[in-house]
Amino acid sequence: MSIQRISTAAGIRITNLDSSRILFLSLTPLLLLFIAYHHGVVDPFLTFSHLKSLQPFSSTQLPPPPDTADRPPRIAICLVGGARRFELTGPSIVKNLLKEYPNADLFLHSPLDENAYKFFLLNEAPRIAGVRIFEPHRIEETQSRIRVLSSQNSPNGIQGLLQYFNLVEGCLSLISTYESRHNCTYDWIIRTRVDGFWTGPLDPSTFQPATYVIPPGSRFGGFNDRFGSGDRLASTAALSRLSLIPRLDASGYHNLNSESAFKAQLNISNLQVKEISLPFCVLSDRRYNFPPGRHGVPVVSMGSVRPLNGAKCRPCMTACCGECATKIMSGMVDGQSWTEGREWRKVGLELCNATGGWEEGWEEVFDRVAGEEAAAERRRVAAVERNGCEEEFEKMRQRTESWDAPPGEEICRLGLRKQ
């Protein structure tokens, strides 16, 4: 046999061998995925874009955002939750987040209810990329979800936690859709709640590569989950609240509240976490014992000292301040509330008596604390008529690239049906 034929035959055998190796390597990931699914490790309802969330993250592997000297960094701001008090919180979010970073793209993920009409205030935002206002449906309480989550201290039990996790993770699908459409990747993703009242702008120090930034306090045995900021990879892990439950279950995490589940989620993702004080509080209609016990939840007056780091708050006449507040805070268990027991004991703190509903005259308290501009927006929402509401929603729809919501007529009719 000639050398040429031997070389040719050998080449054919090598080519076939390479082909076999390529085929084996191609099928291996699919085989592993099948095994993982068969043993219940992977949630069958996950999209492939979220499967990346199931891989461990290492802070050393999280690269900083690319050099953006030739362009502004791409920032996504995702708001989640119901609009119950959005006439009070919305203008503060527009002013201190959206207008503070005018190149940021706004995404909204919220359930449809009688308060959703108040979202027309977001027309003041510089940019709106995606809106999803949906009719909520019951989320399946699988065995792994029941094992991992606890209904204790959750107003709506495990179902309430699942609904909240779904709201948070919905940010990822909205953002991923936009990225795919525009062939881009966000450098930073900010996630916060629509019921947050901001008293100052979001500081640039919040943007830290290879780190997920959260506010201190409100730990309740875990991490404060009322705000989060990070680069794209860190945010993928932090926002995958539903998708990572099977991994939490497999890792032995059980009977967790929202905050402790959040901490466990970041732990198994190997994310570096940094706490930075932030100037916002969460407006709450929920009633709490007063004075709060060692494991209670103090509710702070909106006019109290800043920053509030996502503390529960309401517009109220101060029920306790000075030595009274110091005594209450000194008796609370660190790690169980937003106080963390140190800085709040050294400064003036005003507490509300939240055993009942908002007191008569709260509007005057809010207007005085928030200022005339915010007061005018509050009155604007209170006075809006259905046709004006519908016009605002039509403007909003036309300037929003991805609109997944009922017609403005339906949203406004639901909230203003008494007119």
Foldseek 3Di string as FASTA:
>chain_A
DDPVVVVVVVVVVVVVVVVVVVVVVVCVVVVVVVVCVVVPLFDPVDDPVLVVLQDAAALVPFDAFPDQPVHDAEEEEEAFEECPPLLQAVVQCQVAPQVVCVNYEYEYQYEFFLRVLLCLSCVSGNAYAYYAYYHDDFDDCDPLLQFQEAQPPPPVGSRSVVVVLCRLLVVVVSQVVSCVVVVHAGQKYKYAYSQKHFPHHDDPVCEDTSEKEAAAWAQQVAGDPRIIMYGDVLSSQQSNLPRCSSVCSVVPRGHDYNRRSSRSSCVRNNGHYDHDFGAIEGEDQDAWAPPAAQLTAWEFALQFDDRQRHHYYAHADFPDKDPRVLVSLCRHDASRGRPNSDPPNVDITTTDNRNHGHDPPSLVSSCVRVDDVSNVSSVCVVPDDLVNSLVSVVSVVVRYNHYHYPRSNVSSCSNHVVD
